[in-house]
Amino acid sequence: MHMKDNLINFLYDKKYFINIYDEYIHIFNYQELVSLSSKKIVLKMETFKIEVTGDNLFITRMLPNEILIKGIIGKVEFSYE
């Protein structure tokens, strides 16, 4: 059990992670949903924002610290403030 916990902590000991698939983007540890439309979704992270643009974008899963976006993803941009 101890070794399993260490492995899980090692794999998930990140401030955030982003997985991009063909028609999905999974973002873990976002702080706030800033804007939402079928063409653009903006998320606030700890030190930057993520802007996902494309077509037919919608949220398929939204939990307090993770979000799954589906649609035709055209671009993912990061902006530091």
PDB file of N, CA and C in Angstrom:
ATOM      1  N   MET A   1       0.823  -1.198   0.000  1.00  0.00           N
ATOM      2  CA  MET A   1       0.000   0.000   0.000  1.00  0.00           C
ATOM      3  C   MET A   1       0.865   1.261   0.000  1.00  0.00           C
ATOM      4  N   HIS A   2       1.937   1.259   0.774  1.00  0.00           N
ATOM      5  CA  HIS A   2       2.814   2.417   0.852  1.00  0.00           C
ATOM      6  C   HIS A   2       3.453   2.739  -0.499  1.00  0.00           C
ATOM      7  N   MET A   3       3.916   1.709  -1.200  1.00  0.00           N
ATOM      8  CA  MET A   3       4.531   1.915  -2.506  1.00  0.00           C
ATOM      9  C   MET A   3       3.508   2.465  -3.504  1.00  0.00           C
ATOM     10  N   LYS A   4       2.287   1.967  -3.456  1.00  0.00           N
ATOM     11  CA  LYS A   4       1.233   2.459  -4.342  1.00  0.00           C
ATOM     12  C   LYS A   4       0.958   3.933  -4.076  1.00  0.00           C
ATOM     13  N   ASP A   5       0.866   4.333  -2.818  1.00  0.00           N
ATOM     14  CA  ASP A   5       0.631   5.736  -2.467  1.00  0.00           C
ATOM     15  C   ASP A   5       1.767   6.627  -2.948  1.00  0.00           C
ATOM     16  N   ASN A   6       2.995   6.172  -2.811  1.00  0.00           N
ATOM     17  CA  ASN A   6       4.146   6.939  -3.291  1.00  0.00           C
ATOM     18  C   ASN A   6       4.095   7.132  -4.803  1.00  0.00           C
ATOM     19  N   LEU A   7       3.724   6.079  -5.517  1.00  0.00           N
ATOM     20  CA  LEU A   7       3.634   6.158  -6.973  1.00  0.00           C
ATOM     21  C   LEU A   7       2.536   7.130  -7.390  1.00  0.00           C
ATOM     22  N   ILE A   8       1.383   7.038  -6.762  1.00  0.00           N
ATOM     23  CA  ILE A   8       0.274   7.961  -7.078  1.00  0.00           C
ATOM     24  C   ILE A   8       0.670   9.396  -6.767  1.00  0.00           C
ATOM     25  N   ASN A   9       1.282   9.634  -5.633  1.00  0.00           N
ATOM     26  CA  ASN A   9       1.729  10.982  -5.277  1.00  0.00           C
ATOM     27  C   ASN A   9       2.757  11.509  -6.267  1.00  0.00           C
ATOM     28  N   PHE A  10       3.653  10.639  -6.727  1.00  0.00           N
ATOM     29  CA  PHE A  10       4.657  11.051  -7.712  1.00  0.00           C
ATOM     30  C   PHE A  10       3.998  11.431  -9.033  1.00  0.00           C
ATOM     31  N   LEU A  11       3.061  10.631  -9.501  1.00  0.00           N
ATOM     32  CA  LEU A  11       2.420  10.881 -10.788  1.00  0.00           C
ATOM     33  C   LEU A  11       1.513  12.106 -10.759  1.00  0.00           C
ATOM     34  N   TYR A  12       0.853  12.341  -9.644  1.00  0.00           N
ATOM     35  CA  TYR A  12      -0.121  13.427  -9.578  1.00  0.00           C
ATOM     36  C   TYR A  12       0.355  14.613  -8.754  1.00  0.00           C
ATOM     37  N   ASP A  13       1.619  14.675  -8.428  1.00  0.00           N
ATOM     38  CA  ASP A  13       2.152  15.796  -7.666  1.00  0.00           C
ATOM     39  C   ASP A  13       2.528  16.930  -8.616  1.00  0.00           C
ATOM     40  N   LYS A  14       1.540  17.467  -9.248  1.00  0.00           N
ATOM     41  CA  LYS A  14       1.722  18.545 -10.213  1.00  0.00           C
ATOM     42  C   LYS A  14       0.754  19.667  -9.858  1.00  0.00           C
ATOM     43  N   LYS A  15       1.109  20.890 -10.193  1.00  0.00           N
ATOM     44  CA  LYS A  15       0.183  21.993  -9.979  1.00  0.00           C
ATOM     45  C   LYS A  15      -1.008  21.858 -10.917  1.00  0.00           C
ATOM     46  N   TYR A  16      -0.770  21.314 -12.091  1.00  0.00           N
ATOM     47  CA  TYR A  16      -1.833  21.097 -13.070  1.00  0.00           C
ATOM     48  C   TYR A  16      -1.342  20.089 -14.092  1.00  0.00           C
ATOM     49  N   PHE A  17      -2.268  19.533 -14.849  1.00  0.00           N
ATOM     50  CA  PHE A  17      -1.890  18.799 -16.051  1.00  0.00           C
ATOM     51  C   PHE A  17      -3.006  18.910 -17.072  1.00  0.00           C
ATOM     52  N   ILE A  18      -2.601  18.819 -18.324  1.00  0.00           N
ATOM     53  CA  ILE A  18      -3.507  18.986 -19.456  1.00  0.00           C
ATOM     54  C   ILE A  18      -3.275  17.828 -20.410  1.00  0.00           C
ATOM     55  N   ASN A  19      -4.349  17.127 -20.749  1.00  0.00           N
ATOM     56  CA  ASN A  19      -4.284  16.052 -21.742  1.00  0.00           C
ATOM     57  C   ASN A  19      -5.129  16.476 -22.938  1.00  0.00           C
ATOM     58  N   ILE A  20      -4.554  16.401 -24.125  1.00  0.00           N
ATOM     59  CA  ILE A  20      -5.267  16.785 -25.339  1.00  0.00           C
ATOM     60  C   ILE A  20      -5.408  15.547 -26.220  1.00  0.00           C
ATOM     61  N   TYR A  21      -6.634  15.261 -26.599  1.00  0.00           N
ATOM     62  CA  TYR A  21      -6.957  14.137 -27.478  1.00  0.00           C
ATOM     63  C   TYR A  21      -7.557  14.701 -28.766  1.00  0.00           C
ATOM     64  N   ASP A  22      -8.016  13.856 -29.668  1.00  0.00           N
ATOM     65  CA  ASP A  22      -8.564  14.324 -30.938  1.00  0.00           C
ATOM     66  C   ASP A  22      -9.721  15.303 -30.751  1.00  0.00           C
ATOM     67  N   GLU A  23     -10.695  14.952 -29.953  1.00  0.00           N
ATOM     68  CA  GLU A  23     -11.861  15.817 -29.779  1.00  0.00           C
ATOM     69  C   GLU A  23     -12.129  16.143 -28.315  1.00  0.00           C
ATOM     70  N   TYR A  24     -11.141  15.948 -27.457  1.00  0.00           N
ATOM     71  CA  TYR A  24     -11.289  16.212 -26.027  1.00  0.00           C
ATOM     72  C   TYR A  24     -10.072  16.951 -25.500  1.00  0.00           C
ATOM     73  N   ILE A  25     -10.280  17.728 -24.459  1.00  0.00           N
ATOM     74  CA  ILE A  25      -9.175  18.277 -23.687  1.00  0.00           C
ATOM     75  C   ILE A  25      -9.555  18.136 -22.213  1.00  0.00           C
ATOM     76  N   HIS A  26      -8.675  17.555 -21.436  1.00  0.00           N
ATOM     77  CA  HIS A  26      -8.894  17.322 -20.006  1.00  0.00           C
ATOM     78  C   HIS A  26      -7.901  18.185 -19.244  1.00  0.00           C
ATOM     79  N   ILE A  27      -8.415  19.038 -18.355  1.00  0.00           N
ATOM     80  CA  ILE A  27      -7.577  19.960 -17.599  1.00  0.00           C
ATOM     81  C   ILE A  27      -7.808  19.706 -16.113  1.00  0.00           C
ATOM     82  N   PHE A  28      -6.718  19.487 -15.378  1.00  0.00           N
ATOM     83  CA  PHE A  28      -6.790  19.200 -13.956  1.00  0.00           C
ATOM     84  C   PHE A  28      -6.187  20.357 -13.171  1.00  0.00           C
ATOM     85  N   ASN A  29      -6.856  20.766 -12.126  1.00  0.00           N
ATOM     86  CA  ASN A  29      -6.469  21.845 -11.209  1.00  0.00           C
ATOM     87  C   ASN A  29      -6.668  23.244 -11.795  1.00  0.00           C
ATOM     88  N   TYR A  30      -7.758  23.436 -12.527  1.00  0.00           N
ATOM     89  CA  TYR A  30      -8.105  24.800 -12.930  1.00  0.00           C
ATOM     90  C   TYR A  30      -8.737  25.486 -11.724  1.00  0.00           C
ATOM     91  N   GLN A  31      -8.739  26.816 -11.720  1.00  0.00           N
ATOM     92  CA  GLN A  31      -9.300  27.548 -10.592  1.00  0.00           C
ATOM     93  C   GLN A  31     -10.682  28.116 -10.878  1.00  0.00           C
ATOM     94  N   GLU A  32     -10.888  28.566 -12.115  1.00  0.00           N
ATOM     95  CA  GLU A  32     -12.150  29.238 -12.417  1.00  0.00           C
ATOM     96  C   GLU A  32     -12.471  29.143 -13.901  1.00  0.00           C
ATOM     97  N   LEU A  33     -13.742  28.982 -14.199  1.00  0.00           N
ATOM     98  CA  LEU A  33     -14.230  29.056 -15.567  1.00  0.00           C
ATOM     99  C   LEU A  33     -14.528  30.532 -15.843  1.00  0.00           C
ATOM    100  N   VAL A  34     -13.733  31.157 -16.709  1.00  0.00           N
ATOM    101  CA  VAL A  34     -13.842  32.591 -16.962  1.00  0.00           C
ATOM    102  C   VAL A  34     -14.912  32.883 -18.003  1.00  0.00           C
ATOM    103  N   SER A  35     -14.905  32.154 -19.117  1.00  0.00           N
ATOM    104  CA  SER A  35     -15.925  32.368 -20.144  1.00  0.00           C
ATOM    105  C   SER A  35     -16.207  31.051 -20.861  1.00  0.00           C
ATOM    106  N   LEU A  36     -17.427  30.975 -21.400  1.00  0.00           N
ATOM    107  CA  LEU A  36     -17.884  29.745 -22.029  1.00  0.00           C
ATOM    108  C   LEU A  36     -18.765  30.087 -23.219  1.00  0.00           C
ATOM    109  N   SER A  37     -18.390  29.581 -24.384  1.00  0.00           N
ATOM    110  CA  SER A  37     -19.229  29.653 -25.572  1.00  0.00           C
ATOM    111  C   SER A  37     -18.906  28.429 -26.424  1.00  0.00           C
ATOM    112  N   SER A  38     -19.642  28.233 -27.486  1.00  0.00           N
ATOM    113  CA  SER A  38     -19.382  27.076 -28.344  1.00  0.00           C
ATOM    114  C   SER A  38     -18.122  27.258 -29.184  1.00  0.00           C
ATOM    115  N   LYS A  39     -17.557  28.473 -29.201  1.00  0.00           N
ATOM    116  CA  LYS A  39     -16.342  28.749 -29.972  1.00  0.00           C
ATOM    117  C   LYS A  39     -15.104  28.941 -29.101  1.00  0.00           C
ATOM    118  N   LYS A  40     -15.308  29.328 -27.814  1.00  0.00           N
ATOM    119  CA  LYS A  40     -14.153  29.620 -26.957  1.00  0.00           C
ATOM    120  C   LYS A  40     -14.487  29.357 -25.492  1.00  0.00           C
ATOM    121  N   ILE A  41     -13.556  28.696 -24.801  1.00  0.00           N
ATOM    122  CA  ILE A  41     -13.655  28.463 -23.366  1.00  0.00           C
ATOM    123  C   ILE A  41     -12.357  28.947 -22.741  1.00  0.00           C
ATOM    124  N   VAL A  42     -12.482  29.795 -21.714  1.00  0.00           N
ATOM    125  CA  VAL A  42     -11.312  30.342 -21.032  1.00  0.00           C
ATOM    126  C   VAL A  42     -11.335  29.881 -19.575  1.00  0.00           C
ATOM    127  N   LEU A  43     -10.201  29.335 -19.134  1.00  0.00           N
ATOM    128  CA  LEU A  43     -10.046  28.864 -17.762  1.00  0.00           C
ATOM    129  C   LEU A  43      -8.904  29.599 -17.091  1.00  0.00           C
ATOM    130  N   LYS A  44      -9.096  29.946 -15.837  1.00  0.00           N
ATOM    131  CA  LYS A  44      -8.036  30.576 -15.051  1.00  0.00           C
ATOM    132  C   LYS A  44      -7.321  29.492 -14.266  1.00  0.00           C
ATOM    133  N   MET A  45      -6.002  29.486 -14.400  1.00  0.00           N
ATOM    134  CA  MET A  45      -5.154  28.588 -13.630  1.00  0.00           C
ATOM    135  C   MET A  45      -4.500  29.426 -12.530  1.00  0.00           C
ATOM    136  N   GLU A  46      -3.569  28.865 -11.807  1.00  0.00           N
ATOM    137  CA  GLU A  46      -2.938  29.595 -10.705  1.00  0.00           C
ATOM    138  C   GLU A  46      -2.167  30.823 -11.189  1.00  0.00           C
ATOM    139  N   THR A  47      -1.378  30.678 -12.252  1.00  0.00           N
ATOM    140  CA  THR A  47      -0.526  31.790 -12.700  1.00  0.00           C
ATOM    141  C   THR A  47      -0.761  32.196 -14.152  1.00  0.00           C
ATOM    142  N   PHE A  48      -1.724  31.589 -14.828  1.00  0.00           N
ATOM    143  CA  PHE A  48      -1.980  31.912 -16.228  1.00  0.00           C
ATOM    144  C   PHE A  48      -3.406  31.531 -16.587  1.00  0.00           C
ATOM    145  N   LYS A  49      -3.806  31.867 -17.810  1.00  0.00           N
ATOM    146  CA  LYS A  49      -5.109  31.478 -18.337  1.00  0.00           C
ATOM    147  C   LYS A  49      -4.926  30.557 -19.532  1.00  0.00           C
ATOM    148  N   ILE A  50      -5.881  29.653 -19.721  1.00  0.00           N
ATOM    149  CA  ILE A  50      -5.906  28.765 -20.868  1.00  0.00           C
ATOM    150  C   ILE A  50      -7.121  29.129 -21.704  1.00  0.00           C
ATOM    151  N   GLU A  51      -6.899  29.373 -22.991  1.00  0.00           N
ATOM    152  CA  GLU A  51      -7.984  29.683 -23.918  1.00  0.00           C
ATOM    153  C   GLU A  51      -8.065  28.572 -24.953  1.00  0.00           C
ATOM    154  N   VAL A  52      -9.187  27.871 -24.958  1.00  0.00           N
ATOM    155  CA  VAL A  52      -9.425  26.797 -25.918  1.00  0.00           C
ATOM    156  C   VAL A  52     -10.397  27.331 -26.949  1.00  0.00           C
ATOM    157  N   THR A  53      -9.998  27.346 -28.220  1.00  0.00           N
ATOM    158  CA  THR A  53     -10.884  27.808 -29.280  1.00  0.00           C
ATOM    159  C   THR A  53     -11.117  26.674 -30.263  1.00  0.00           C
ATOM    160  N   GLY A  54     -12.274  26.715 -30.910  1.00  0.00           N
ATOM    161  CA  GLY A  54     -12.640  25.692 -31.874  1.00  0.00           C
ATOM    162  C   GLY A  54     -14.107  25.805 -32.224  1.00  0.00           C
ATOM    163  N   ASP A  55     -14.731  24.699 -32.560  1.00  0.00           N
ATOM    164  CA  ASP A  55     -16.141  24.660 -32.922  1.00  0.00           C
ATOM    165  C   ASP A  55     -16.859  23.606 -32.088  1.00  0.00           C
ATOM    166  N   ASN A  56     -18.120  23.887 -31.814  1.00  0.00           N
ATOM    167  CA  ASN A  56     -18.980  22.956 -31.067  1.00  0.00           C
ATOM    168  C   ASN A  56     -18.363  22.540 -29.735  1.00  0.00           C
ATOM    169  N   LEU A  57     -17.722  23.477 -29.044  1.00  0.00           N
ATOM    170  CA  LEU A  57     -17.124  23.177 -27.750  1.00  0.00           C
ATOM    171  C   LEU A  57     -18.202  23.121 -26.683  1.00  0.00           C
ATOM    172  N   PHE A  58     -18.116  22.118 -25.827  1.00  0.00           N
ATOM    173  CA  PHE A  58     -19.004  22.030 -24.668  1.00  0.00           C
ATOM    174  C   PHE A  58     -18.324  21.225 -23.573  1.00  0.00           C
ATOM    175  N   ILE A  59     -18.799  21.413 -22.364  1.00  0.00           N
ATOM    176  CA  ILE A  59     -18.219  20.747 -21.197  1.00  0.00           C
ATOM    177  C   ILE A  59     -18.966  19.450 -20.965  1.00  0.00           C
ATOM    178  N   THR A  60     -18.239  18.339 -20.945  1.00  0.00           N
ATOM    179  CA  THR A  60     -18.873  17.041 -20.706  1.00  0.00           C
ATOM    180  C   THR A  60     -18.756  16.618 -19.245  1.00  0.00           C
ATOM    181  N   ARG A  61     -17.739  17.114 -18.551  1.00  0.00           N
ATOM    182  CA  ARG A  61     -17.586  16.822 -17.131  1.00  0.00           C
ATOM    183  C   ARG A  61     -16.943  18.034 -16.465  1.00  0.00           C
ATOM    184  N   MET A  62     -17.513  18.434 -15.329  1.00  0.00           N
ATOM    185  CA  MET A  62     -16.958  19.563 -14.591  1.00  0.00           C
ATOM    186  C   MET A  62     -17.027  19.250 -13.105  1.00  0.00           C
ATOM    187  N   LEU A  63     -15.861  19.124 -12.510  1.00  0.00           N
ATOM    188  CA  LEU A  63     -15.728  18.884 -11.084  1.00  0.00           C
ATOM    189  C   LEU A  63     -15.018  20.097 -10.467  1.00  0.00           C
ATOM    190  N   PRO A  64     -14.939  20.191  -9.160  1.00  0.00           N
ATOM    191  CA  PRO A  64     -14.319  21.370  -8.545  1.00  0.00           C
ATOM    192  C   PRO A  64     -12.894  21.671  -9.014  1.00  0.00           C
ATOM    193  N   ASN A  65     -12.141  20.648  -9.433  1.00  0.00           N
ATOM    194  CA  ASN A  65     -10.765  20.919  -9.857  1.00  0.00           C
ATOM    195  C   ASN A  65     -10.389  20.307 -11.201  1.00  0.00           C
ATOM    196  N   GLU A  66     -11.358  19.739 -11.908  1.00  0.00           N
ATOM    197  CA  GLU A  66     -11.035  19.226 -13.235  1.00  0.00           C
ATOM    198  C   GLU A  66     -12.211  19.418 -14.181  1.00  0.00           C
ATOM    199  N   ILE A  67     -11.864  19.537 -15.463  1.00  0.00           N
ATOM    200  CA  ILE A  67     -12.876  19.803 -16.482  1.00  0.00           C
ATOM    201  C   ILE A  67     -12.527  19.012 -17.733  1.00  0.00           C
ATOM    202  N   LEU A  68     -13.549  18.515 -18.412  1.00  0.00           N
ATOM    203  CA  LEU A  68     -13.383  17.789 -19.668  1.00  0.00           C
ATOM    204  C   LEU A  68     -14.196  18.518 -20.723  1.00  0.00           C
ATOM    205  N   ILE A  69     -13.516  18.992 -21.764  1.00  0.00           N
ATOM    206  CA  ILE A  69     -14.133  19.770 -22.837  1.00  0.00           C
ATOM    207  C   ILE A  69     -14.117  18.923 -24.100  1.00  0.00           C
ATOM    208  N   LYS A  70     -15.242  18.882 -24.796  1.00  0.00           N
ATOM    209  CA  LYS A  70     -15.345  18.131 -26.038  1.00  0.00           C
ATOM    210  C   LYS A  70     -15.699  19.084 -27.166  1.00  0.00           C
ATOM    211  N   GLY A  71     -15.247  18.777 -28.362  1.00  0.00           N
ATOM    212  CA  GLY A  71     -15.547  19.559 -29.548  1.00  0.00           C
ATOM    213  C   GLY A  71     -14.398  19.487 -30.535  1.00  0.00           C
ATOM    214  N   ILE A  72     -14.502  20.295 -31.559  1.00  0.00           N
ATOM    215  CA  ILE A  72     -13.430  20.381 -32.549  1.00  0.00           C
ATOM    216  C   ILE A  72     -12.452  21.438 -32.055  1.00  0.00           C
ATOM    217  N   ILE A  73     -11.337  20.989 -31.530  1.00  0.00           N
ATOM    218  CA  ILE A  73     -10.367  21.882 -30.909  1.00  0.00           C
ATOM    219  C   ILE A  73      -9.447  22.427 -31.982  1.00  0.00           C
ATOM    220  N   GLY A  74      -9.469  23.734 -32.134  1.00  0.00           N
ATOM    221  CA  GLY A  74      -8.623  24.386 -33.129  1.00  0.00           C
ATOM    222  C   GLY A  74      -7.312  24.860 -32.566  1.00  0.00           C
ATOM    223  N   LYS A  75      -7.372  25.424 -31.329  1.00  0.00           N
ATOM    224  CA  LYS A  75      -6.163  26.023 -30.777  1.00  0.00           C
ATOM    225  C   LYS A  75      -6.276  26.045 -29.256  1.00  0.00           C
ATOM    226  N   VAL A  76      -5.142  25.869 -28.587  1.00  0.00           N
ATOM    227  CA  VAL A  76      -5.038  26.006 -27.143  1.00  0.00           C
ATOM    228  C   VAL A  76      -3.926  27.018 -26.885  1.00  0.00           C
ATOM    229  N   GLU A  77      -4.272  28.127 -26.208  1.00  0.00           N
ATOM    230  CA  GLU A  77      -3.299  29.183 -25.947  1.00  0.00           C
ATOM    231  C   GLU A  77      -3.172  29.417 -24.447  1.00  0.00           C
ATOM    232  N   PHE A  78      -1.969  29.821 -24.045  1.00  0.00           N
ATOM    233  CA  PHE A  78      -1.694  30.147 -22.667  1.00  0.00           C
ATOM    234  C   PHE A  78      -1.342  31.623 -22.593  1.00  0.00           C
ATOM    235  N   SER A  79      -1.916  32.334 -21.629  1.00  0.00           N
ATOM    236  CA  SER A  79      -1.560  33.748 -21.468  1.00  0.00           C
ATOM    237  C   SER A  79      -1.220  33.993 -19.996  1.00  0.00           C
ATOM    238  N   TYR A  80      -0.086  34.644 -19.801  1.00  0.00           N
ATOM    239  CA  TYR A  80       0.393  34.946 -18.452  1.00  0.00           C
ATOM    240  C   TYR A  80       0.079  36.404 -18.156  1.00  0.00           C
ATOM    241  N   GLU A  81      -0.435  36.637 -16.967  1.00  0.00           N
ATOM    242  CA  GLU A  81      -0.824  38.003 -16.595  1.00  0.00           C
ATOM    243  C   GLU A  81       0.132  38.579 -15.580  1.00  0.00           C
TER     244      GLU A  81
END
